[in-house]
Amino acid sequence: MSNVSDVTDANFTEEVLQSETPVLVDFWATWCPPCRMMAPIIDEIAAEKGDALKVVKLDTDQNPETAGAYGIVSIPTFILFKGGRSVAQVIGGRPKKDLLKEIEPHL
């Protein structure tokens, strides 16, 4: 079972912006090869960071409102939200250590 849950336009505010825990959002789409390549890495981060970090995915094709609100034009894009606001952003596929380097200072 994956430690990563899906969010939508409908529950983004509740699941991400109102979360007590920092939330890493993976903006992705089913047709995107780099997105699929990053999926196991995102699962690993979710498993390792457990209580300190919530990890969710948002399909940009199914949820254009939220993707548009955050100016997502290139996927995958990873945004770390803390206290309801964006504190870190990484665009494109990256090695796990590079992604962690961007988000760990905020945890």
N, C-alpha and C. Protein backbone atom coordinates (compact mmCIF):
# COMPACT_ATOMS: atom_id res chain seq x y z
N MET A 1 0.84 -1.21 0.00
CA MET A 1 0.00 0.00 0.00
C MET A 1 0.88 1.26 0.00
N SER A 2 0.48 2.22 -0.76
CA SER A 2 1.24 3.46 -0.88
C SER A 2 0.96 4.38 0.31
N ASN A 3 1.96 5.15 0.69
CA ASN A 3 1.81 6.15 1.75
C ASN A 3 1.39 7.49 1.16
N VAL A 4 1.14 7.50 -0.14
CA VAL A 4 0.79 8.73 -0.85
C VAL A 4 -0.70 8.68 -1.19
N SER A 5 -1.44 9.73 -0.81
CA SER A 5 -2.86 9.77 -1.13
C SER A 5 -3.12 10.79 -2.23
N ASP A 6 -4.27 10.67 -2.86
CA ASP A 6 -4.65 11.60 -3.93
C ASP A 6 -5.46 12.75 -3.35
N VAL A 7 -5.23 13.95 -3.87
CA VAL A 7 -6.07 15.09 -3.54
C VAL A 7 -6.67 15.64 -4.82
N THR A 8 -7.74 16.41 -4.66
CA THR A 8 -8.47 16.97 -5.80
C THR A 8 -8.72 18.45 -5.56
N ASP A 9 -9.27 19.11 -6.58
CA ASP A 9 -9.67 20.51 -6.41
C ASP A 9 -10.61 20.63 -5.21
N ALA A 10 -11.50 19.65 -5.05
CA ALA A 10 -12.53 19.70 -4.00
C ALA A 10 -11.96 19.61 -2.58
N ASN A 11 -10.90 18.81 -2.38
CA ASN A 11 -10.41 18.66 -1.01
C ASN A 11 -9.01 19.23 -0.77
N PHE A 12 -8.47 19.98 -1.72
CA PHE A 12 -7.12 20.52 -1.60
C PHE A 12 -6.96 21.43 -0.38
N THR A 13 -7.91 22.33 -0.18
CA THR A 13 -7.83 23.25 0.96
C THR A 13 -7.78 22.49 2.28
N GLU A 14 -8.69 21.55 2.43
CA GLU A 14 -8.77 20.77 3.67
C GLU A 14 -7.54 19.88 3.87
N GLU A 15 -7.14 19.14 2.82
CA GLU A 15 -6.05 18.17 2.93
C GLU A 15 -4.65 18.80 2.96
N VAL A 16 -4.49 19.92 2.26
CA VAL A 16 -3.16 20.51 2.12
C VAL A 16 -3.02 21.81 2.91
N LEU A 17 -3.85 22.79 2.59
CA LEU A 17 -3.69 24.12 3.18
C LEU A 17 -4.01 24.15 4.66
N GLN A 18 -4.95 23.31 5.12
CA GLN A 18 -5.33 23.30 6.53
C GLN A 18 -4.61 22.22 7.33
N SER A 19 -3.68 21.52 6.72
CA SER A 19 -2.96 20.45 7.40
C SER A 19 -2.05 21.00 8.49
N GLU A 20 -2.02 20.32 9.63
CA GLU A 20 -1.10 20.69 10.73
C GLU A 20 0.33 20.29 10.37
N THR A 21 0.46 19.27 9.54
CA THR A 21 1.75 18.72 9.13
C THR A 21 2.15 19.33 7.79
N PRO A 22 3.45 19.56 7.55
CA PRO A 22 3.86 19.99 6.20
C PRO A 22 3.41 18.96 5.16
N VAL A 23 3.02 19.45 3.98
CA VAL A 23 2.50 18.58 2.93
C VAL A 23 3.30 18.77 1.65
N LEU A 24 3.82 17.67 1.12
CA LEU A 24 4.48 17.70 -0.18
C LEU A 24 3.45 17.28 -1.23
N VAL A 25 3.19 18.17 -2.18
CA VAL A 25 2.22 17.87 -3.24
C VAL A 25 2.97 17.57 -4.53
N ASP A 26 2.67 16.40 -5.09
CA ASP A 26 3.23 15.97 -6.37
C ASP A 26 2.19 16.29 -7.44
N PHE A 27 2.44 17.33 -8.24
CA PHE A 27 1.55 17.68 -9.35
C PHE A 27 2.00 16.83 -10.53
N TRP A 28 1.13 15.97 -11.04
CA TRP A 28 1.50 14.98 -12.05
C TRP A 28 0.34 14.73 -13.02
N ALA A 29 0.58 13.89 -14.01
CA ALA A 29 -0.46 13.43 -14.94
C ALA A 29 -0.11 12.02 -15.40
N THR A 30 -1.12 11.25 -15.76
CA THR A 30 -0.92 9.85 -16.14
C THR A 30 -0.05 9.69 -17.38
N TRP A 31 -0.08 10.66 -18.31
CA TRP A 31 0.64 10.56 -19.58
C TRP A 31 2.10 10.99 -19.48
N CYS A 32 2.54 11.41 -18.29
CA CYS A 32 3.86 12.03 -18.11
C CYS A 32 4.92 11.01 -17.66
N PRO A 33 5.85 10.61 -18.56
CA PRO A 33 6.88 9.63 -18.17
C PRO A 33 7.74 10.04 -16.97
N PRO A 34 8.22 11.30 -16.89
CA PRO A 34 9.00 11.67 -15.70
C PRO A 34 8.18 11.57 -14.41
N CYS A 35 6.87 11.82 -14.51
CA CYS A 35 5.99 11.70 -13.33
C CYS A 35 5.97 10.25 -12.85
N ARG A 36 5.83 9.33 -13.79
CA ARG A 36 5.82 7.90 -13.44
C ARG A 36 7.18 7.47 -12.88
N MET A 37 8.25 8.04 -13.41
CA MET A 37 9.59 7.74 -12.94
C MET A 37 9.78 8.20 -11.48
N MET A 38 9.16 9.30 -11.13
CA MET A 38 9.30 9.86 -9.78
C MET A 38 8.41 9.16 -8.75
N ALA A 39 7.39 8.45 -9.18
CA ALA A 39 6.42 7.85 -8.25
C ALA A 39 7.06 6.99 -7.17
N PRO A 40 8.00 6.06 -7.51
CA PRO A 40 8.61 5.26 -6.44
C PRO A 40 9.43 6.10 -5.46
N ILE A 41 10.04 7.16 -5.94
CA ILE A 41 10.84 8.04 -5.09
C ILE A 41 9.92 8.76 -4.10
N ILE A 42 8.79 9.22 -4.61
CA ILE A 42 7.81 9.92 -3.76
C ILE A 42 7.27 8.96 -2.71
N ASP A 43 7.00 7.72 -3.11
CA ASP A 43 6.55 6.70 -2.15
C ASP A 43 7.59 6.48 -1.05
N GLU A 44 8.87 6.41 -1.43
CA GLU A 44 9.95 6.21 -0.46
C GLU A 44 10.02 7.36 0.53
N ILE A 45 9.93 8.59 0.02
CA ILE A 45 9.98 9.77 0.88
C ILE A 45 8.80 9.74 1.85
N ALA A 46 7.63 9.40 1.35
CA ALA A 46 6.44 9.34 2.21
C ALA A 46 6.62 8.30 3.32
N ALA A 47 7.18 7.15 2.97
CA ALA A 47 7.40 6.09 3.96
C ALA A 47 8.45 6.49 4.99
N GLU A 48 9.51 7.13 4.54
CA GLU A 48 10.61 7.50 5.43
C GLU A 48 10.28 8.67 6.35
N LYS A 49 9.52 9.62 5.84
CA LYS A 49 9.26 10.84 6.61
C LYS A 49 8.01 10.72 7.49
N GLY A 50 7.20 9.68 7.24
CA GLY A 50 6.07 9.33 8.10
C GLY A 50 5.33 10.47 8.76
N ASP A 51 5.55 10.63 10.07
CA ASP A 51 4.81 11.61 10.86
C ASP A 51 5.20 13.06 10.58
N ALA A 52 6.40 13.28 10.08
CA ALA A 52 6.88 14.65 9.87
C ALA A 52 6.37 15.27 8.58
N LEU A 53 5.89 14.44 7.65
CA LEU A 53 5.51 14.94 6.33
C LEU A 53 4.35 14.13 5.77
N LYS A 54 3.37 14.85 5.24
CA LYS A 54 2.26 14.21 4.53
C LYS A 54 2.58 14.37 3.04
N VAL A 55 2.39 13.30 2.27
CA VAL A 55 2.69 13.36 0.83
C VAL A 55 1.43 13.02 0.05
N VAL A 56 1.08 13.89 -0.89
CA VAL A 56 -0.12 13.70 -1.70
C VAL A 56 0.19 13.95 -3.17
N LYS A 57 -0.67 13.42 -4.04
CA LYS A 57 -0.54 13.62 -5.48
C LYS A 57 -1.79 14.33 -5.99
N LEU A 58 -1.60 15.22 -6.96
CA LEU A 58 -2.72 15.88 -7.59
C LEU A 58 -2.57 15.73 -9.10
N ASP A 59 -3.53 15.05 -9.72
CA ASP A 59 -3.53 14.86 -11.18
C ASP A 59 -3.95 16.18 -11.82
N THR A 60 -3.02 16.81 -12.54
CA THR A 60 -3.28 18.14 -13.10
C THR A 60 -4.36 18.13 -14.19
N ASP A 61 -4.52 17.00 -14.87
CA ASP A 61 -5.57 16.91 -15.91
C ASP A 61 -6.95 16.87 -15.28
N GLN A 62 -7.06 16.16 -14.16
CA GLN A 62 -8.35 16.01 -13.48
C GLN A 62 -8.70 17.20 -12.58
N ASN A 63 -7.68 17.98 -12.22
CA ASN A 63 -7.86 19.07 -11.25
C ASN A 63 -7.20 20.36 -11.73
N PRO A 64 -7.71 20.90 -12.85
CA PRO A 64 -7.07 22.07 -13.46
C PRO A 64 -7.16 23.33 -12.61
N GLU A 65 -8.16 23.43 -11.75
CA GLU A 65 -8.34 24.63 -10.94
C GLU A 65 -7.15 24.84 -9.99
N THR A 66 -6.80 23.79 -9.25
CA THR A 66 -5.68 23.89 -8.30
C THR A 66 -4.36 24.04 -9.05
N ALA A 67 -4.16 23.26 -10.11
CA ALA A 67 -2.93 23.37 -10.89
C ALA A 67 -2.76 24.79 -11.42
N GLY A 68 -3.84 25.38 -11.91
CA GLY A 68 -3.80 26.75 -12.42
C GLY A 68 -3.51 27.76 -11.33
N ALA A 69 -4.10 27.56 -10.16
CA ALA A 69 -3.93 28.49 -9.04
C ALA A 69 -2.47 28.58 -8.61
N TYR A 70 -1.72 27.48 -8.78
CA TYR A 70 -0.31 27.48 -8.39
C TYR A 70 0.63 27.59 -9.58
N GLY A 71 0.09 27.94 -10.75
CA GLY A 71 0.91 28.21 -11.93
C GLY A 71 1.68 27.01 -12.43
N ILE A 72 1.09 25.83 -12.31
CA ILE A 72 1.77 24.62 -12.75
C ILE A 72 1.72 24.54 -14.28
N VAL A 73 2.88 24.69 -14.91
CA VAL A 73 2.95 24.60 -16.37
C VAL A 73 3.84 23.45 -16.82
N SER A 74 4.65 22.96 -15.91
CA SER A 74 5.57 21.87 -16.21
C SER A 74 5.42 20.81 -15.13
N ILE A 75 5.30 19.55 -15.55
CA ILE A 75 5.18 18.49 -14.56
C ILE A 75 6.26 17.44 -14.79
N PRO A 76 6.68 16.73 -13.76
CA PRO A 76 6.18 16.88 -12.40
C PRO A 76 6.68 18.16 -11.73
N THR A 77 5.84 18.72 -10.87
CA THR A 77 6.23 19.82 -10.01
C THR A 77 5.89 19.38 -8.59
N PHE A 78 6.81 19.64 -7.68
CA PHE A 78 6.61 19.30 -6.27
C PHE A 78 6.61 20.59 -5.47
N ILE A 79 5.55 20.81 -4.71
CA ILE A 79 5.48 21.99 -3.86
C ILE A 79 5.28 21.53 -2.42
N LEU A 80 6.10 22.07 -1.54
CA LEU A 80 5.95 21.79 -0.11
C LEU A 80 5.15 22.93 0.52
N PHE A 81 4.05 22.56 1.16
CA PHE A 81 3.21 23.52 1.85
C PHE A 81 3.39 23.35 3.35
N LYS A 82 3.51 24.48 4.03
CA LYS A 82 3.63 24.46 5.49
C LYS A 82 2.82 25.64 6.00
N GLY A 83 1.92 25.36 6.93
CA GLY A 83 1.09 26.44 7.47
C GLY A 83 0.22 27.09 6.40
N GLY A 84 -0.18 26.31 5.39
CA GLY A 84 -1.08 26.82 4.37
C GLY A 84 -0.42 27.60 3.24
N ARG A 85 0.91 27.65 3.25
CA ARG A 85 1.55 28.37 2.14
C ARG A 85 2.72 27.58 1.57
N SER A 86 3.05 27.90 0.34
CA SER A 86 4.14 27.23 -0.36
C SER A 86 5.48 27.70 0.21
N VAL A 87 6.33 26.75 0.64
CA VAL A 87 7.63 27.13 1.19
C VAL A 87 8.81 26.60 0.36
N ALA A 88 8.54 25.65 -0.54
CA ALA A 88 9.60 25.13 -1.41
C ALA A 88 8.95 24.56 -2.66
N GLN A 89 9.65 24.67 -3.78
CA GLN A 89 9.14 24.14 -5.05
C GLN A 89 10.28 23.55 -5.87
N VAL A 90 10.02 22.36 -6.42
CA VAL A 90 10.99 21.70 -7.29
C VAL A 90 10.25 21.31 -8.56
N ILE A 91 10.81 21.68 -9.71
CA ILE A 91 10.18 21.37 -10.99
C ILE A 91 11.03 20.34 -11.72
N GLY A 92 10.36 19.29 -12.18
CA GLY A 92 11.04 18.26 -12.96
C GLY A 92 11.50 17.08 -12.11
N GLY A 93 11.82 16.00 -12.80
CA GLY A 93 12.32 14.81 -12.13
C GLY A 93 13.70 15.06 -11.54
N ARG A 94 13.90 14.60 -10.33
CA ARG A 94 15.17 14.80 -9.63
C ARG A 94 15.55 13.55 -8.86
N PRO A 95 16.83 13.36 -8.59
CA PRO A 95 17.21 12.28 -7.68
C PRO A 95 16.62 12.54 -6.30
N LYS A 96 16.38 11.47 -5.58
CA LYS A 96 15.76 11.56 -4.25
C LYS A 96 16.53 12.53 -3.34
N LYS A 97 17.86 12.44 -3.33
CA LYS A 97 18.65 13.28 -2.43
C LYS A 97 18.46 14.77 -2.74
N ASP A 98 18.29 15.11 -4.01
CA ASP A 98 18.10 16.52 -4.39
C ASP A 98 16.73 17.03 -3.93
N LEU A 99 15.72 16.18 -4.06
CA LEU A 99 14.38 16.55 -3.62
C LEU A 99 14.37 16.73 -2.09
N LEU A 100 15.00 15.80 -1.38
CA LEU A 100 15.05 15.89 0.09
C LEU A 100 15.81 17.13 0.55
N LYS A 101 16.86 17.50 -0.19
CA LYS A 101 17.66 18.68 0.16
C LYS A 101 16.79 19.95 0.16
N GLU A 102 15.82 19.99 -0.75
CA GLU A 102 14.93 21.15 -0.84
C GLU A 102 13.87 21.18 0.25
N ILE A 103 13.38 19.99 0.64
CA ILE A 103 12.24 19.98 1.58
C ILE A 103 12.64 19.82 3.05
N GLU A 104 13.74 19.12 3.33
CA GLU A 104 14.09 18.83 4.72
C GLU A 104 14.29 20.06 5.60
N PRO A 105 14.83 21.18 5.09
CA PRO A 105 14.98 22.35 5.98
C PRO A 105 13.64 22.87 6.52
N HIS A 106 12.55 22.53 5.89
CA HIS A 106 11.23 23.04 6.27
C HIS A 106 10.48 22.08 7.20
N LEU A 107 11.05 20.91 7.47
CA LEU A 107 10.36 19.92 8.29
C LEU A 107 10.71 20.07 9.76
